[in-house]
């Protein structure tokens, strides 16, 4: 499994609706409200070999109320 974090900037007044839509997305395991330039951060688990760009562009960025995204790709998980 590949883990990515996607920070999401929402249209004004749409953050809670976007968060609800993200939670319903199968690959999204957690959604956090954050401070700073972005409104939300989603932790996503993708199958090995799944195209990250396609997932972000076709699944996440198409959700209504999303204005911008910033994707962080992880290399290793330390526990």
N, C-alpha and C. Protein backbone atom coordinates (compact mmCIF):
# COMPACT_ATOMS: atom_id res chain seq x y z
N UNK A 1 0.85 -1.19 0.00
CA UNK A 1 0.00 0.00 0.00
C UNK A 1 0.89 1.24 0.00
N UNK A 2 0.45 2.23 -0.71
CA UNK A 2 1.13 3.53 -0.78
C UNK A 2 0.30 4.53 0.02
N UNK A 3 0.95 5.25 0.92
CA UNK A 3 0.27 6.27 1.72
C UNK A 3 0.59 7.64 1.16
N UNK A 4 -0.45 8.46 0.96
CA UNK A 4 -0.25 9.85 0.57
C UNK A 4 -1.09 10.73 1.48
N UNK A 5 -0.65 11.96 1.63
CA UNK A 5 -1.42 12.97 2.34
C UNK A 5 -1.77 14.05 1.32
N UNK A 6 -3.03 14.47 1.31
CA UNK A 6 -3.45 15.51 0.39
C UNK A 6 -4.02 16.66 1.21
N UNK A 7 -3.37 17.82 1.09
CA UNK A 7 -3.89 19.02 1.73
C UNK A 7 -4.84 19.68 0.75
N UNK A 8 -5.95 20.17 1.26
CA UNK A 8 -7.05 20.63 0.42
C UNK A 8 -7.47 22.03 0.83
N UNK A 9 -7.55 22.92 -0.16
CA UNK A 9 -8.09 24.26 0.03
C UNK A 9 -9.52 24.23 -0.51
N UNK A 10 -10.45 24.66 0.31
CA UNK A 10 -11.87 24.60 -0.06
C UNK A 10 -12.40 25.97 -0.44
N UNK A 11 -13.48 25.96 -1.23
CA UNK A 11 -14.20 27.20 -1.48
C UNK A 11 -14.77 27.69 -0.15
N UNK A 12 -14.91 29.00 -0.01
CA UNK A 12 -15.43 29.56 1.24
C UNK A 12 -16.77 28.93 1.61
N UNK A 13 -16.88 28.52 2.84
CA UNK A 13 -18.12 27.95 3.36
C UNK A 13 -18.37 26.51 2.97
N UNK A 14 -17.44 25.85 2.32
CA UNK A 14 -17.65 24.48 1.82
C UNK A 14 -16.84 23.42 2.55
N UNK A 15 -16.07 23.80 3.56
CA UNK A 15 -15.14 22.87 4.19
C UNK A 15 -15.83 21.64 4.77
N UNK A 16 -16.93 21.82 5.48
CA UNK A 16 -17.59 20.68 6.11
C UNK A 16 -18.21 19.76 5.06
N UNK A 17 -18.75 20.31 4.00
CA UNK A 17 -19.29 19.49 2.92
C UNK A 17 -18.21 18.69 2.21
N UNK A 18 -17.05 19.33 1.99
CA UNK A 18 -15.92 18.63 1.37
C UNK A 18 -15.43 17.52 2.29
N UNK A 19 -15.32 17.80 3.58
CA UNK A 19 -14.87 16.78 4.54
C UNK A 19 -15.81 15.58 4.52
N UNK A 20 -17.11 15.82 4.48
CA UNK A 20 -18.08 14.72 4.42
C UNK A 20 -17.90 13.89 3.16
N UNK A 21 -17.66 14.54 2.02
CA UNK A 21 -17.46 13.83 0.75
C UNK A 21 -16.16 13.03 0.77
N UNK A 22 -15.13 13.58 1.37
CA UNK A 22 -13.85 12.88 1.45
C UNK A 22 -13.97 11.61 2.28
N UNK A 23 -14.67 11.69 3.41
CA UNK A 23 -14.84 10.55 4.30
C UNK A 23 -15.53 9.39 3.55
N UNK A 24 -16.38 9.71 2.60
CA UNK A 24 -17.09 8.69 1.83
C UNK A 24 -16.24 8.07 0.72
N UNK A 25 -15.05 8.63 0.46
CA UNK A 25 -14.16 8.11 -0.57
C UNK A 25 -13.40 6.91 -0.02
N UNK A 26 -13.46 5.80 -0.72
CA UNK A 26 -12.93 4.52 -0.21
C UNK A 26 -11.47 4.59 0.22
N UNK A 27 -10.61 5.25 -0.54
CA UNK A 27 -9.18 5.25 -0.25
C UNK A 27 -8.80 6.24 0.86
N UNK A 28 -9.70 7.08 1.29
CA UNK A 28 -9.43 8.08 2.32
C UNK A 28 -9.68 7.45 3.69
N UNK A 29 -8.64 7.42 4.53
CA UNK A 29 -8.80 6.81 5.85
C UNK A 29 -9.06 7.83 6.96
N UNK A 30 -8.53 9.05 6.79
CA UNK A 30 -8.70 10.09 7.81
C UNK A 30 -8.81 11.45 7.12
N UNK A 31 -9.59 12.34 7.72
CA UNK A 31 -9.68 13.72 7.26
C UNK A 31 -9.54 14.61 8.49
N UNK A 32 -8.60 15.56 8.42
CA UNK A 32 -8.34 16.46 9.53
C UNK A 32 -8.55 17.91 9.10
N UNK A 33 -9.14 18.69 9.97
CA UNK A 33 -9.19 20.14 9.78
C UNK A 33 -7.84 20.69 10.22
N UNK A 34 -7.23 21.55 9.41
CA UNK A 34 -5.90 22.06 9.73
C UNK A 34 -5.86 23.58 9.60
N UNK A 35 -4.84 24.17 10.17
CA UNK A 35 -4.64 25.62 10.05
C UNK A 35 -3.62 25.90 8.96
N UNK A 36 -3.55 27.14 8.55
CA UNK A 36 -2.57 27.52 7.54
C UNK A 36 -3.22 27.78 6.19
N UNK A 37 -2.47 27.54 5.13
CA UNK A 37 -2.93 27.83 3.78
C UNK A 37 -4.02 26.87 3.30
N UNK A 38 -4.11 25.70 3.89
CA UNK A 38 -5.09 24.70 3.48
C UNK A 38 -6.08 24.46 4.60
N UNK A 39 -7.25 23.97 4.25
CA UNK A 39 -8.33 23.78 5.21
C UNK A 39 -8.41 22.36 5.77
N UNK A 40 -8.09 21.38 4.93
CA UNK A 40 -8.21 19.98 5.31
C UNK A 40 -6.96 19.21 4.90
N UNK A 41 -6.72 18.10 5.59
CA UNK A 41 -5.67 17.18 5.18
C UNK A 41 -6.27 15.77 5.22
N UNK A 42 -6.15 15.06 4.09
CA UNK A 42 -6.68 13.71 3.99
C UNK A 42 -5.53 12.72 3.91
N UNK A 43 -5.63 11.66 4.70
CA UNK A 43 -4.68 10.56 4.63
C UNK A 43 -5.31 9.48 3.75
N UNK A 44 -4.59 9.09 2.71
CA UNK A 44 -5.13 8.17 1.72
C UNK A 44 -4.21 6.96 1.57
N UNK A 45 -4.82 5.80 1.41
CA UNK A 45 -4.08 4.57 1.14
C UNK A 45 -4.44 4.10 -0.26
N UNK A 46 -3.44 4.00 -1.12
CA UNK A 46 -3.64 3.55 -2.49
C UNK A 46 -2.97 2.20 -2.69
N UNK A 47 -3.52 1.40 -3.56
CA UNK A 47 -2.91 0.11 -3.89
C UNK A 47 -1.55 0.35 -4.54
N UNK A 48 -0.60 -0.55 -4.30
CA UNK A 48 0.70 -0.46 -4.96
C UNK A 48 0.48 -0.41 -6.47
N UNK A 49 1.13 0.52 -7.11
CA UNK A 49 1.02 0.67 -8.55
C UNK A 49 -0.13 1.55 -9.00
N UNK A 50 -1.03 1.92 -8.09
CA UNK A 50 -2.12 2.81 -8.48
C UNK A 50 -1.55 4.18 -8.81
N UNK A 51 -2.02 4.79 -9.87
CA UNK A 51 -1.53 6.10 -10.31
C UNK A 51 -2.01 7.19 -9.36
N UNK A 52 -1.08 7.79 -8.62
CA UNK A 52 -1.41 8.81 -7.63
C UNK A 52 -2.02 10.04 -8.29
N UNK A 53 -1.41 10.48 -9.39
CA UNK A 53 -1.93 11.66 -10.08
C UNK A 53 -3.34 11.45 -10.56
N UNK A 54 -3.64 10.29 -11.09
CA UNK A 54 -4.99 9.99 -11.56
C UNK A 54 -5.97 10.00 -10.40
N UNK A 55 -5.59 9.40 -9.28
CA UNK A 55 -6.46 9.39 -8.10
C UNK A 55 -6.77 10.81 -7.63
N UNK A 56 -5.73 11.63 -7.49
CA UNK A 56 -5.93 13.00 -6.99
C UNK A 56 -6.77 13.81 -7.98
N UNK A 57 -6.42 13.75 -9.25
CA UNK A 57 -7.12 14.57 -10.26
C UNK A 57 -8.54 14.09 -10.55
N UNK A 58 -8.71 12.78 -10.65
CA UNK A 58 -10.01 12.25 -11.06
C UNK A 58 -10.96 11.97 -9.90
N UNK A 59 -10.44 11.65 -8.73
CA UNK A 59 -11.31 11.32 -7.60
C UNK A 59 -11.47 12.49 -6.63
N UNK A 60 -10.34 13.12 -6.25
CA UNK A 60 -10.43 14.15 -5.22
C UNK A 60 -10.73 15.54 -5.78
N UNK A 61 -9.97 15.97 -6.76
CA UNK A 61 -10.14 17.34 -7.26
C UNK A 61 -11.50 17.58 -7.90
N UNK A 62 -12.20 16.52 -8.25
CA UNK A 62 -13.52 16.66 -8.86
C UNK A 62 -14.64 16.81 -7.83
N UNK A 63 -14.31 16.63 -6.55
CA UNK A 63 -15.33 16.81 -5.53
C UNK A 63 -15.73 18.28 -5.46
N UNK A 64 -17.01 18.51 -5.38
CA UNK A 64 -17.52 19.88 -5.35
C UNK A 64 -17.04 20.61 -4.11
N UNK A 65 -16.54 21.83 -4.29
CA UNK A 65 -16.08 22.66 -3.18
C UNK A 65 -14.58 22.66 -2.99
N UNK A 66 -13.85 21.82 -3.75
CA UNK A 66 -12.39 21.81 -3.65
C UNK A 66 -11.82 22.84 -4.61
N UNK A 67 -11.00 23.71 -4.06
CA UNK A 67 -10.40 24.80 -4.84
C UNK A 67 -8.98 24.46 -5.28
N UNK A 68 -8.20 23.78 -4.42
CA UNK A 68 -6.79 23.50 -4.71
C UNK A 68 -6.34 22.33 -3.84
N UNK A 69 -5.32 21.60 -4.31
CA UNK A 69 -4.76 20.51 -3.51
C UNK A 69 -3.23 20.58 -3.55
N UNK A 70 -2.63 19.95 -2.54
CA UNK A 70 -1.18 19.81 -2.46
C UNK A 70 -0.93 18.40 -1.94
N UNK A 71 -0.23 17.58 -2.71
CA UNK A 71 -0.06 16.18 -2.39
C UNK A 71 1.34 15.90 -1.86
N UNK A 72 1.40 15.15 -0.75
CA UNK A 72 2.66 14.70 -0.17
C UNK A 72 2.71 13.18 -0.32
N UNK A 73 3.78 12.69 -0.94
CA UNK A 73 3.97 11.27 -1.13
C UNK A 73 4.92 10.77 -0.05
N UNK A 74 4.56 9.69 0.59
CA UNK A 74 5.40 9.16 1.67
C UNK A 74 6.33 8.07 1.14
N UNK A 75 7.44 7.88 1.83
CA UNK A 75 8.42 6.86 1.47
C UNK A 75 8.37 5.68 2.43
N UNK A 76 8.32 5.97 3.73
CA UNK A 76 8.38 4.91 4.74
C UNK A 76 7.58 5.36 5.96
N UNK A 77 6.94 4.40 6.59
CA UNK A 77 6.22 4.67 7.82
C UNK A 77 7.03 4.16 8.99
N UNK A 78 7.25 5.01 9.97
CA UNK A 78 7.95 4.63 11.20
C UNK A 78 6.92 4.51 12.31
N UNK A 79 6.99 3.42 13.06
CA UNK A 79 6.01 3.25 14.14
C UNK A 79 6.69 3.17 15.48
